[in-house]
Each structure stands twice: as structure tokens, then as C-alpha cells.
Amino acid sequence: YCGVDAVTAPRPGEDELKRGRANSTSKECLPLQLTLGSLLRY
């Protein structure tokens, strides 16, 4: 509505979780792992 080309990442699942864990220490909480995994997958 404000003129920005915005898209939503697909709902996270096992793939995003694996990517998030592989690129962190795996000690971080679930939201961090899933949001990081979503960025990497995109």
C-alpha cells in the first residue's frame, strides 16, 4: 500500500530449521533458527 514491493517468505518447516541450525551454533532459540533459515532458503 505504501509502494514497496513486499513478499512473504513461505511458512517455515524442516528445511528452514536445518538451514538455520547449520548456520548458527544450534543453541539459539527456535524463532532465530527459522527466520535465519527462511532468509537463506530465499
PDB file of all heavy atoms in Angstrom:
ATOM      1  N   TYR A   1       0.833  -1.205   0.000  1.00  0.00           N
ATOM      2  CA  TYR A   1       0.000   0.000   0.000  1.00  0.00           C
ATOM      3  C   TYR A   1       0.868   1.256   0.000  1.00  0.00           C
ATOM      4  O   TYR A   1       0.474   2.300  -0.529  1.00  0.00           O
ATOM      5  CB  TYR A   1      -0.918  -0.015   1.223  1.00  0.00           C
ATOM      6  CG  TYR A   1      -1.851   1.157   1.327  1.00  0.00           C
ATOM      7  CD1 TYR A   1      -2.943   1.281   0.464  1.00  0.00           C
ATOM      8  CD2 TYR A   1      -1.656   2.153   2.291  1.00  0.00           C
ATOM      9  CE1 TYR A   1      -3.813   2.368   0.556  1.00  0.00           C
ATOM     10  CE2 TYR A   1      -2.522   3.235   2.387  1.00  0.00           C
ATOM     11  CZ  TYR A   1      -3.595   3.330   1.524  1.00  0.00           C
ATOM     12  OH  TYR A   1      -4.458   4.400   1.619  1.00  0.00           O
ATOM     13  N   CYS A   2       2.068   1.132   0.588  1.00  0.00           N
ATOM     14  CA  CYS A   2       2.988   2.275   0.662  1.00  0.00           C
ATOM     15  C   CYS A   2       3.986   2.286  -0.496  1.00  0.00           C
ATOM     16  O   CYS A   2       4.988   3.013  -0.454  1.00  0.00           O
ATOM     17  CB  CYS A   2       3.732   2.255   1.992  1.00  0.00           C
ATOM     18  SG  CYS A   2       2.632   2.422   3.417  1.00  0.00           S
ATOM     19  N   GLY A   3       3.749   1.453  -1.506  1.00  0.00           N
ATOM     20  CA  GLY A   3       4.596   1.465  -2.702  1.00  0.00           C
ATOM     21  C   GLY A   3       5.835   0.599  -2.639  1.00  0.00           C
ATOM     22  O   GLY A   3       6.751   0.751  -3.459  1.00  0.00           O
ATOM     23  N   VAL A   4       5.902  -0.315  -1.673  1.00  0.00           N
ATOM     24  CA  VAL A   4       7.061  -1.192  -1.527  1.00  0.00           C
ATOM     25  C   VAL A   4       6.730  -2.577  -2.091  1.00  0.00           C
ATOM     26  O   VAL A   4       5.663  -3.126  -1.825  1.00  0.00           O
ATOM     27  CB  VAL A   4       7.468  -1.322  -0.035  1.00  0.00           C
ATOM     28  CG1 VAL A   4       8.672  -2.248   0.116  1.00  0.00           C
ATOM     29  CG2 VAL A   4       7.764   0.040   0.553  1.00  0.00           C
ATOM     30  N   ASP A   5       7.646  -3.140  -2.854  1.00  0.00           N
ATOM     31  CA  ASP A   5       7.465  -4.483  -3.402  1.00  0.00           C
ATOM     32  C   ASP A   5       7.797  -5.486  -2.301  1.00  0.00           C
ATOM     33  O   ASP A   5       8.949  -5.896  -2.132  1.00  0.00           O
ATOM     34  CB  ASP A   5       8.389  -4.681  -4.609  1.00  0.00           C
ATOM     35  CG  ASP A   5       8.209  -6.060  -5.253  1.00  0.00           C
ATOM     36  OD1 ASP A   5       7.243  -6.757  -4.901  1.00  0.00           O
ATOM     37  OD2 ASP A   5       9.053  -6.432  -6.098  1.00  0.00           O
ATOM     38  N   ALA A   6       6.781  -5.879  -1.554  1.00  0.00           N
ATOM     39  CA  ALA A   6       6.982  -6.768  -0.403  1.00  0.00           C
ATOM     40  C   ALA A   6       6.423  -8.150  -0.680  1.00  0.00           C
ATOM     41  O   ALA A   6       5.358  -8.298  -1.284  1.00  0.00           O
ATOM     42  CB  ALA A   6       6.316  -6.181   0.837  1.00  0.00           C
ATOM     43  N   VAL A   7       7.147  -9.181  -0.249  1.00  0.00           N
ATOM     44  CA  VAL A   7       6.690 -10.566  -0.366  1.00  0.00           C
ATOM     45  C   VAL A   7       6.875 -11.251   0.982  1.00  0.00           C
ATOM     46  O   VAL A   7       7.686 -10.821   1.811  1.00  0.00           O
ATOM     47  CB  VAL A   7       7.449 -11.346  -1.457  1.00  0.00           C
ATOM     48  CG1 VAL A   7       7.174 -10.773  -2.829  1.00  0.00           C
ATOM     49  CG2 VAL A   7       8.952 -11.363  -1.164  1.00  0.00           C
ATOM     50  N   THR A   8       6.135 -12.326   1.165  1.00  0.00           N
ATOM     51  CA  THR A   8       6.228 -13.091   2.407  1.00  0.00           C
ATOM     52  C   THR A   8       6.993 -14.384   2.161  1.00  0.00           C
ATOM     53  O   THR A   8       6.738 -15.075   1.169  1.00  0.00           O
ATOM     54  CB  THR A   8       4.821 -13.436   2.937  1.00  0.00           C
ATOM     55  OG1 THR A   8       4.066 -12.241   3.040  1.00  0.00           O
ATOM     56  CG2 THR A   8       4.908 -14.098   4.293  1.00  0.00           C
ATOM     57  N   ALA A   9       7.911 -14.711   3.039  1.00  0.00           N
ATOM     58  CA  ALA A   9       8.626 -15.981   2.934  1.00  0.00           C
ATOM     59  C   ALA A   9       7.638 -17.129   3.153  1.00  0.00           C
ATOM     60  O   ALA A   9       6.663 -16.981   3.897  1.00  0.00           O
ATOM     61  CB  ALA A   9       9.748 -16.044   3.967  1.00  0.00           C
ATOM     62  N   PRO A  10       7.854 -18.278   2.503  1.00  0.00           N
ATOM     63  CA  PRO A  10       6.964 -19.427   2.732  1.00  0.00           C
ATOM     64  C   PRO A  10       6.960 -19.818   4.202  1.00  0.00           C
ATOM     65  O   PRO A  10       7.914 -19.551   4.945  1.00  0.00           O
ATOM     66  CB  PRO A  10       7.597 -20.538   1.877  1.00  0.00           C
ATOM     67  CG  PRO A  10       8.446 -19.828   0.874  1.00  0.00           C
ATOM     68  CD  PRO A  10       8.925 -18.587   1.553  1.00  0.00           C
ATOM     69  N   ARG A  11       5.862 -20.442   4.624  1.00  0.00           N
ATOM     70  CA  ARG A  11       5.809 -20.889   6.013  1.00  0.00           C
ATOM     71  C   ARG A  11       6.964 -21.850   6.288  1.00  0.00           C
ATOM     72  O   ARG A  11       7.205 -22.762   5.502  1.00  0.00           O
ATOM     73  CB  ARG A  11       4.470 -21.570   6.291  1.00  0.00           C
ATOM     74  CG  ARG A  11       3.300 -20.599   6.212  1.00  0.00           C
ATOM     75  CD  ARG A  11       2.007 -21.233   6.630  1.00  0.00           C
ATOM     76  NE  ARG A  11       0.917 -20.265   6.578  1.00  0.00           N
ATOM     77  CZ  ARG A  11      -0.315 -20.510   6.997  1.00  0.00           C
ATOM     78  NH1 ARG A  11      -0.616 -21.695   7.488  1.00  0.00           N
ATOM     79  NH2 ARG A  11      -1.251 -19.584   6.921  1.00  0.00           N
ATOM     80  N   PRO A  12       7.676 -21.661   7.389  1.00  0.00           N
ATOM     81  CA  PRO A  12       8.862 -22.480   7.649  1.00  0.00           C
ATOM     82  C   PRO A  12       8.512 -23.923   7.983  1.00  0.00           C
ATOM     83  O   PRO A  12       7.407 -24.228   8.429  1.00  0.00           O
ATOM     84  CB  PRO A  12       9.522 -21.781   8.844  1.00  0.00           C
ATOM     85  CG  PRO A  12       8.383 -21.104   9.537  1.00  0.00           C
ATOM     86  CD  PRO A  12       7.430 -20.683   8.456  1.00  0.00           C
ATOM     87  N   GLY A  13       9.503 -24.783   7.765  1.00  0.00           N
ATOM     88  CA  GLY A  13       9.351 -26.200   8.080  1.00  0.00           C
ATOM     89  C   GLY A  13      10.706 -26.811   8.369  1.00  0.00           C
ATOM     90  O   GLY A  13      11.647 -26.117   8.785  1.00  0.00           O
ATOM     91  N   GLU A  14      10.832 -28.084   8.098  1.00  0.00           N
ATOM     92  CA  GLU A  14      12.080 -28.795   8.395  1.00  0.00           C
ATOM     93  C   GLU A  14      13.268 -28.217   7.632  1.00  0.00           C
ATOM     94  O   GLU A  14      14.379 -28.141   8.164  1.00  0.00           O
ATOM     95  CB  GLU A  14      11.926 -30.282   8.058  1.00  0.00           C
ATOM     96  CG  GLU A  14      10.900 -31.024   8.903  1.00  0.00           C
ATOM     97  CD  GLU A  14      11.320 -31.165  10.358  1.00  0.00           C
ATOM     98  OE1 GLU A  14      12.523 -30.970  10.654  1.00  0.00           O
ATOM     99  OE2 GLU A  14      10.446 -31.436  11.204  1.00  0.00           O
ATOM    100  N   ASP A  15      13.053 -27.809   6.386  1.00  0.00           N
ATOM    101  CA  ASP A  15      14.153 -27.283   5.574  1.00  0.00           C
ATOM    102  C   ASP A  15      14.725 -26.013   6.187  1.00  0.00           C
ATOM    103  O   ASP A  15      15.951 -25.862   6.326  1.00  0.00           O
ATOM    104  CB  ASP A  15      13.644 -27.007   4.155  1.00  0.00           C
ATOM    105  CG  ASP A  15      14.763 -26.570   3.229  1.00  0.00           C
ATOM    106  OD1 ASP A  15      15.885 -27.098   3.356  1.00  0.00           O
ATOM    107  OD2 ASP A  15      14.546 -25.686   2.375  1.00  0.00           O
ATOM    108  N   GLU A  16      13.838 -25.076   6.574  1.00  0.00           N
ATOM    109  CA  GLU A  16      14.302 -23.829   7.206  1.00  0.00           C
ATOM    110  C   GLU A  16      14.999 -24.100   8.531  1.00  0.00           C
ATOM    111  O   GLU A  16      16.005 -23.454   8.866  1.00  0.00           O
ATOM    112  CB  GLU A  16      13.118 -22.883   7.431  1.00  0.00           C
ATOM    113  CG  GLU A  16      12.601 -22.202   6.181  1.00  0.00           C
ATOM    114  CD  GLU A  16      11.722 -23.094   5.325  1.00  0.00           C
ATOM    115  OE1 GLU A  16      11.426 -24.245   5.735  1.00  0.00           O
ATOM    116  OE2 GLU A  16      11.320 -22.665   4.237  1.00  0.00           O
ATOM    117  N   LEU A  17      14.486 -25.073   9.283  1.00  0.00           N
ATOM    118  CA  LEU A  17      15.092 -25.412  10.572  1.00  0.00           C
ATOM    119  C   LEU A  17      16.515 -25.941  10.375  1.00  0.00           C
ATOM    120  O   LEU A  17      17.443 -25.549  11.098  1.00  0.00           O
ATOM    121  CB  LEU A  17      14.233 -26.449  11.298  1.00  0.00           C
ATOM    122  CG  LEU A  17      14.704 -26.892  12.683  1.00  0.00           C
ATOM    123  CD1 LEU A  17      14.798 -25.709  13.632  1.00  0.00           C
ATOM    124  CD2 LEU A  17      13.761 -27.959  13.246  1.00  0.00           C
ATOM    125  N   LYS A  18      16.695 -26.816   9.392  1.00  0.00           N
ATOM    126  CA  LYS A  18      18.032 -27.372   9.124  1.00  0.00           C
ATOM    127  C   LYS A  18      18.999 -26.285   8.677  1.00  0.00           C
ATOM    128  O   LYS A  18      20.161 -26.254   9.113  1.00  0.00           O
ATOM    129  CB  LYS A  18      17.933 -28.459   8.054  1.00  0.00           C
ATOM    130  CG  LYS A  18      17.276 -29.745   8.535  1.00  0.00           C
ATOM    131  CD  LYS A  18      17.122 -30.743   7.406  1.00  0.00           C
ATOM    132  CE  LYS A  18      16.402 -32.007   7.885  1.00  0.00           C
ATOM    133  NZ  LYS A  18      16.168 -32.968   6.771  1.00  0.00           N
ATOM    134  N   ARG A  19      18.548 -25.414   7.799  1.00  0.00           N
ATOM    135  CA  ARG A  19      19.418 -24.328   7.328  1.00  0.00           C
ATOM    136  C   ARG A  19      19.793 -23.385   8.475  1.00  0.00           C
ATOM    137  O   ARG A  19      20.946 -22.952   8.583  1.00  0.00           O
ATOM    138  CB  ARG A  19      18.704 -23.527   6.229  1.00  0.00           C
ATOM    139  CG  ARG A  19      18.535 -24.269   4.910  1.00  0.00           C
ATOM    140  CD  ARG A  19      17.646 -23.465   3.966  1.00  0.00           C
ATOM    141  NE  ARG A  19      17.292 -24.197   2.764  1.00  0.00           N
ATOM    142  CZ  ARG A  19      17.915 -24.083   1.595  1.00  0.00           C
ATOM    143  NH1 ARG A  19      18.930 -23.238   1.480  1.00  0.00           N
ATOM    144  NH2 ARG A  19      17.521 -24.768   0.549  1.00  0.00           N
ATOM    145  N   GLY A  20      18.820 -23.064   9.331  1.00  0.00           N
ATOM    146  CA  GLY A  20      19.093 -22.173  10.452  1.00  0.00           C
ATOM    147  C   GLY A  20      20.086 -22.767  11.429  1.00  0.00           C
ATOM    148  O   GLY A  20      21.003 -22.085  11.898  1.00  0.00           O
ATOM    149  N   ARG A  21      19.913 -24.050  11.728  1.00  0.00           N
ATOM    150  CA  ARG A  21      20.832 -24.718  12.653  1.00  0.00           C
ATOM    151  C   ARG A  21      22.237 -24.839  12.069  1.00  0.00           C
ATOM    152  O   ARG A  21      23.234 -24.722  12.779  1.00  0.00           O
ATOM    153  CB  ARG A  21      20.292 -26.099  13.017  1.00  0.00           C
ATOM    154  CG  ARG A  21      19.130 -26.062  14.009  1.00  0.00           C
ATOM    155  CD  ARG A  21      18.597 -27.439  14.293  1.00  0.00           C
ATOM    156  NE  ARG A  21      17.591 -27.414  15.361  1.00  0.00           N
ATOM    157  CZ  ARG A  21      16.836 -28.448  15.697  1.00  0.00           C
ATOM    158  NH1 ARG A  21      16.961 -29.601  15.042  1.00  0.00           N
ATOM    159  NH2 ARG A  21      15.952 -28.342  16.677  1.00  0.00           N
ATOM    160  N   ALA A  22      22.306 -25.088  10.764  1.00  0.00           N
ATOM    161  CA  ALA A  22      23.609 -25.268  10.111  1.00  0.00           C
ATOM    162  C   ALA A  22      24.412 -23.975  10.061  1.00  0.00           C
ATOM    163  O   ALA A  22      25.643 -24.007   9.939  1.00  0.00           O
ATOM    164  CB  ALA A  22      23.407 -25.807   8.700  1.00  0.00           C
ATOM    165  N   ASN A  23      23.723 -22.835  10.165  1.00  0.00           N
ATOM    166  CA  ASN A  23      24.414 -21.546  10.075  1.00  0.00           C
ATOM    167  C   ASN A  23      24.379 -20.766  11.381  1.00  0.00           C
ATOM    168  O   ASN A  23      24.495 -19.540  11.389  1.00  0.00           O
ATOM    169  CB  ASN A  23      23.792 -20.720   8.952  1.00  0.00           C
ATOM    170  CG  ASN A  23      24.113 -21.279   7.580  1.00  0.00           C
ATOM    171  OD1 ASN A  23      25.151 -20.972   7.004  1.00  0.00           O
ATOM    172  ND2 ASN A  23      23.236 -22.126   7.057  1.00  0.00           N
ATOM    173  N   SER A  24      24.188 -21.487  12.474  1.00  0.00           N
ATOM    174  CA  SER A  24      24.258 -20.887  13.806  1.00  0.00           C
ATOM    175  C   SER A  24      24.916 -21.907  14.730  1.00  0.00           C
ATOM    176  O   SER A  24      25.365 -22.957  14.273  1.00  0.00           O
ATOM    177  CB  SER A  24      22.848 -20.518  14.307  1.00  0.00           C
ATOM    178  OG  SER A  24      22.041 -21.674  14.392  1.00  0.00           O
ATOM    179  N   THR A  25      24.974 -21.606  16.007  1.00  0.00           N
ATOM    180  CA  THR A  25      25.611 -22.555  16.933  1.00  0.00           C
ATOM    181  C   THR A  25      24.667 -23.693  17.317  1.00  0.00           C
ATOM    182  O   THR A  25      25.068 -24.616  18.015  1.00  0.00           O
ATOM    183  CB  THR A  25      26.047 -21.830  18.229  1.00  0.00           C
ATOM    184  OG1 THR A  25      24.879 -21.392  18.927  1.00  0.00           O
ATOM    185  CG2 THR A  25      26.945 -20.650  17.916  1.00  0.00           C
ATOM    186  N   SER A  26      23.406 -23.582  16.878  1.00  0.00           N
ATOM    187  CA  SER A  26      22.330 -24.531  17.219  1.00  0.00           C
ATOM    188  C   SER A  26      21.852 -24.380  18.657  1.00  0.00           C
ATOM    189  O   SER A  26      20.987 -25.124  19.108  1.00  0.00           O
ATOM    190  CB  SER A  26      22.751 -25.993  16.972  1.00  0.00           C
ATOM    191  OG  SER A  26      22.955 -26.217  15.590  1.00  0.00           O
ATOM    192  N   LYS A  27      22.424 -23.433  19.391  1.00  0.00           N
ATOM    193  CA  LYS A  27      21.967 -23.176  20.764  1.00  0.00           C
ATOM    194  C   LYS A  27      20.928 -22.054  20.795  1.00  0.00           C
ATOM    195  O   LYS A  27      20.317 -21.822  21.823  1.00  0.00           O
ATOM    196  CB  LYS A  27      23.160 -22.794  21.644  1.00  0.00           C
ATOM    197  CG  LYS A  27      24.193 -23.917  21.805  1.00  0.00           C
ATOM    198  CD  LYS A  27      25.376 -23.447  22.638  1.00  0.00           C
ATOM    199  CE  LYS A  27      26.434 -24.543  22.768  1.00  0.00           C
ATOM    200  NZ  LYS A  27      27.608 -24.074  23.539  1.00  0.00           N
ATOM    201  N   GLU A  28      20.775 -21.364  19.679  1.00  0.00           N
ATOM    202  CA  GLU A  28      19.802 -20.271  19.628  1.00  0.00           C
ATOM    203  C   GLU A  28      18.385 -20.835  19.664  1.00  0.00           C
ATOM    204  O   GLU A  28      18.140 -21.998  19.363  1.00  0.00           O
ATOM    205  CB  GLU A  28      20.000 -19.440  18.350  1.00  0.00           C
ATOM    206  CG  GLU A  28      21.323 -18.702  18.283  1.00  0.00           C
ATOM    207  CD  GLU A  28      22.461 -19.567  17.789  1.00  0.00           C
ATOM    208  OE1 GLU A  28      22.214 -20.735  17.415  1.00  0.00           O
ATOM    209  OE2 GLU A  28      23.614 -19.096  17.783  1.00  0.00           O
ATOM    210  N   CYS A  29      17.431 -19.969  20.004  1.00  0.00           N
ATOM    211  CA  CYS A  29      16.047 -20.443  20.118  1.00  0.00           C
ATOM    212  C   CYS A  29      15.422 -20.642  18.741  1.00  0.00           C
ATOM    213  O   CYS A  29      15.913 -20.155  17.723  1.00  0.00           O
ATOM    214  CB  CYS A  29      15.218 -19.493  20.978  1.00  0.00           C
ATOM    215  SG  CYS A  29      15.046 -17.836  20.313  1.00  0.00           S
ATOM    216  N   LEU A  30      14.306 -21.345  18.737  1.00  0.00           N
ATOM    217  CA  LEU A  30      13.648 -21.752  17.501  1.00  0.00           C
ATOM    218  C   LEU A  30      13.306 -20.588  16.570  1.00  0.00           C
ATOM    219  O   LEU A  30      13.542 -20.691  15.351  1.00  0.00           O
ATOM    220  CB  LEU A  30      12.393 -22.562  17.850  1.00  0.00           C
ATOM    221  CG  LEU A  30      11.612 -23.166  16.681  1.00  0.00           C
ATOM    222  CD1 LEU A  30      12.473 -24.153  15.900  1.00  0.00           C
ATOM    223  CD2 LEU A  30      10.353 -23.853  17.193  1.00  0.00           C
ATOM    224  N   PRO A  31      12.739 -19.468  17.042  1.00  0.00           N
ATOM    225  CA  PRO A  31      12.432 -18.366  16.118  1.00  0.00           C
ATOM    226  C   PRO A  31      13.644 -17.867  15.343  1.00  0.00           C
ATOM    227  O   PRO A  31      13.536 -17.558  14.153  1.00  0.00           O
ATOM    228  CB  PRO A  31      11.874 -17.279  17.045  1.00  0.00           C
ATOM    229  CG  PRO A  31      11.311 -18.023  18.200  1.00  0.00           C
ATOM    230  CD  PRO A  31      12.242 -19.181  18.409  1.00  0.00           C
ATOM    231  N   LEU A  32      14.809 -17.788  16.000  1.00  0.00           N
ATOM    232  CA  LEU A  32      16.027 -17.355  15.308  1.00  0.00           C
ATOM    233  C   LEU A  32      16.381 -18.348  14.204  1.00  0.00           C
ATOM    234  O   LEU A  32      16.690 -17.969  13.072  1.00  0.00           O
ATOM    235  CB  LEU A  32      17.173 -17.205  16.309  1.00  0.00           C
ATOM    236  CG  LEU A  32      18.574 -16.778  15.829  1.00  0.00           C
ATOM    237  CD1 LEU A  32      19.389 -17.904  15.254  1.00  0.00           C
ATOM    238  CD2 LEU A  32      18.507 -15.598  14.884  1.00  0.00           C
ATOM    239  N   GLN A  33      16.354 -19.617  14.520  1.00  0.00           N
ATOM    240  CA  GLN A  33      16.735 -20.635  13.537  1.00  0.00           C
ATOM    241  C   GLN A  33      15.805 -20.628  12.327  1.00  0.00           C
ATOM    242  O   GLN A  33      16.247 -20.769  11.185  1.00  0.00           O
ATOM    243  CB  GLN A  33      16.745 -22.010  14.201  1.00  0.00           C
ATOM    244  CG  GLN A  33      17.840 -22.167  15.251  1.00  0.00           C
ATOM    245  CD  GLN A  33      17.649 -23.381  16.131  1.00  0.00           C
ATOM    246  OE1 GLN A  33      16.641 -24.062  16.052  1.00  0.00           O
ATOM    247  NE2 GLN A  33      18.629 -23.660  16.986  1.00  0.00           N
ATOM    248  N   LEU A  34      14.499 -20.440  12.567  1.00  0.00           N
ATOM    249  CA  LEU A  34      13.539 -20.467  11.467  1.00  0.00           C
ATOM    250  C   LEU A  34      13.605 -19.199  10.610  1.00  0.00           C
ATOM    251  O   LEU A  34      13.506 -19.272   9.379  1.00  0.00           O
ATOM    252  CB  LEU A  34      12.122 -20.664  12.003  1.00  0.00           C
ATOM    253  CG  LEU A  34      11.835 -22.028  12.638  1.00  0.00           C
ATOM    254  CD1 LEU A  34      10.406 -22.079  13.171  1.00  0.00           C
ATOM    255  CD2 LEU A  34      12.050 -23.165  11.632  1.00  0.00           C
ATOM    256  N   THR A  35      13.768 -18.030  11.241  1.00  0.00           N
ATOM    257  CA  THR A  35      13.844 -16.794  10.455  1.00  0.00           C
ATOM    258  C   THR A  35      15.162 -16.727   9.673  1.00  0.00           C
ATOM    259  O   THR A  35      15.182 -16.254   8.532  1.00  0.00           O
ATOM    260  CB  THR A  35      13.701 -15.554  11.351  1.00  0.00           C
ATOM    261  OG1 THR A  35      14.597 -15.650  12.472  1.00  0.00           O
ATOM    262  CG2 THR A  35      12.281 -15.430  11.887  1.00  0.00           C
ATOM    263  N   LEU A  36      16.241 -17.212  10.274  1.00  0.00           N
ATOM    264  CA  LEU A  36      17.522 -17.276   9.563  1.00  0.00           C
ATOM    265  C   LEU A  36      17.429 -18.269   8.406  1.00  0.00           C
ATOM    266  O   LEU A  36      17.875 -17.997   7.289  1.00  0.00           O
ATOM    267  CB  LEU A  36      18.639 -17.688  10.527  1.00  0.00           C
ATOM    268  CG  LEU A  36      20.033 -17.897   9.919  1.00  0.00           C
ATOM    269  CD1 LEU A  36      20.532 -16.625   9.249  1.00  0.00           C
ATOM    270  CD2 LEU A  36      21.021 -18.358  10.996  1.00  0.00           C
ATOM    271  N   GLY A  37      16.835 -19.433   8.671  1.00  0.00           N
ATOM    272  CA  GLY A  37      16.675 -20.443   7.631  1.00  0.00           C
ATOM    273  C   GLY A  37      15.807 -19.961   6.484  1.00  0.00           C
ATOM    274  O   GLY A  37      16.057 -20.282   5.315  1.00  0.00           O
ATOM    275  N   SER A  38      14.772 -19.154   6.803  1.00  0.00           N
ATOM    276  CA  SER A  38      13.899 -18.612   5.763  1.00  0.00           C
ATOM    277  C   SER A  38      14.666 -17.675   4.836  1.00  0.00           C
ATOM    278  O   SER A  38      14.480 -17.695   3.606  1.00  0.00           O
ATOM    279  CB  SER A  38      12.723 -17.859   6.397  1.00  0.00           C
ATOM    280  OG  SER A  38      11.879 -18.741   7.102  1.00  0.00           O
ATOM    281  N   LEU A  39      15.532 -16.833   5.402  1.00  0.00           N
ATOM    282  CA  LEU A  39      16.341 -15.922   4.596  1.00  0.00           C
ATOM    283  C   LEU A  39      17.295 -16.705   3.691  1.00  0.00           C
ATOM    284  O   LEU A  39      17.399 -16.424   2.489  1.00  0.00           O
ATOM    285  CB  LEU A  39      17.128 -14.978   5.504  1.00  0.00           C
ATOM    286  CG  LEU A  39      18.185 -14.089   4.819  1.00  0.00           C
ATOM    287  CD1 LEU A  39      17.536 -13.191   3.773  1.00  0.00           C
ATOM    288  CD2 LEU A  39      18.938 -13.248   5.853  1.00  0.00           C
ATOM    289  N   LEU A  40      17.971 -17.699   4.255  1.00  0.00           N
ATOM    290  CA  LEU A  40      18.936 -18.479   3.477  1.00  0.00           C
ATOM    291  C   LEU A  40      18.260 -19.261   2.353  1.00  0.00           C
ATOM    292  O   LEU A  40      18.788 -19.356   1.244  1.00  0.00           O
ATOM    293  CB  LEU A  40      19.689 -19.435   4.404  1.00  0.00           C
ATOM    294  CG  LEU A  40      20.620 -18.762   5.421  1.00  0.00           C
ATOM    295  CD1 LEU A  40      21.129 -19.765   6.448  1.00  0.00           C
ATOM    296  CD2 LEU A  40      21.795 -18.092   4.701  1.00  0.00           C
ATOM    297  N   ARG A  41      17.092 -19.805   2.632  1.00  0.00           N
ATOM    298  CA  ARG A  41      16.372 -20.543   1.582  1.00  0.00           C
ATOM    299  C   ARG A  41      15.971 -19.616   0.446  1.00  0.00           C
ATOM    300  O   ARG A  41      16.095 -19.964  -0.734  1.00  0.00           O
ATOM    301  CB  ARG A  41      15.140 -21.222   2.170  1.00  0.00           C
ATOM    302  CG  ARG A  41      14.347 -22.001   1.126  1.00  0.00           C
ATOM    303  CD  ARG A  41      13.144 -22.699   1.712  1.00  0.00           C
ATOM    304  NE  ARG A  41      12.355 -23.332   0.669  1.00  0.00           N
ATOM    305  CZ  ARG A  41      11.234 -24.001   0.881  1.00  0.00           C
ATOM    306  NH1 ARG A  41      10.759 -24.129   2.118  1.00  0.00           N
ATOM    307  NH2 ARG A  41      10.563 -24.538  -0.130  1.00  0.00           N
ATOM    308  N   TYR A  42      15.482 -18.427   0.799  1.00  0.00           N
ATOM    309  CA  TYR A  42      15.092 -17.479  -0.240  1.00  0.00           C
ATOM    310  C   TYR A  42      16.291 -17.100  -1.105  1.00  0.00           C
ATOM    311  O   TYR A  42      16.189 -17.048  -2.338  1.00  0.00           O
ATOM    312  CB  TYR A  42      14.483 -16.220   0.382  1.00  0.00           C
ATOM    313  CG  TYR A  42      14.048 -15.207  -0.652  1.00  0.00           C
ATOM    314  CD1 TYR A  42      12.782 -15.274  -1.220  1.00  0.00           C
ATOM    315  CD2 TYR A  42      14.910 -14.198  -1.075  1.00  0.00           C
ATOM    316  CE1 TYR A  42      12.380 -14.363  -2.192  1.00  0.00           C
ATOM    317  CE2 TYR A  42      14.532 -13.281  -2.045  1.00  0.00           C
ATOM    318  CZ  TYR A  42      13.264 -13.372  -2.604  1.00  0.00           C
ATOM    319  OH  TYR A  42      12.891 -12.467  -3.573  1.00  0.00           O
TER     320      TYR A  42
END
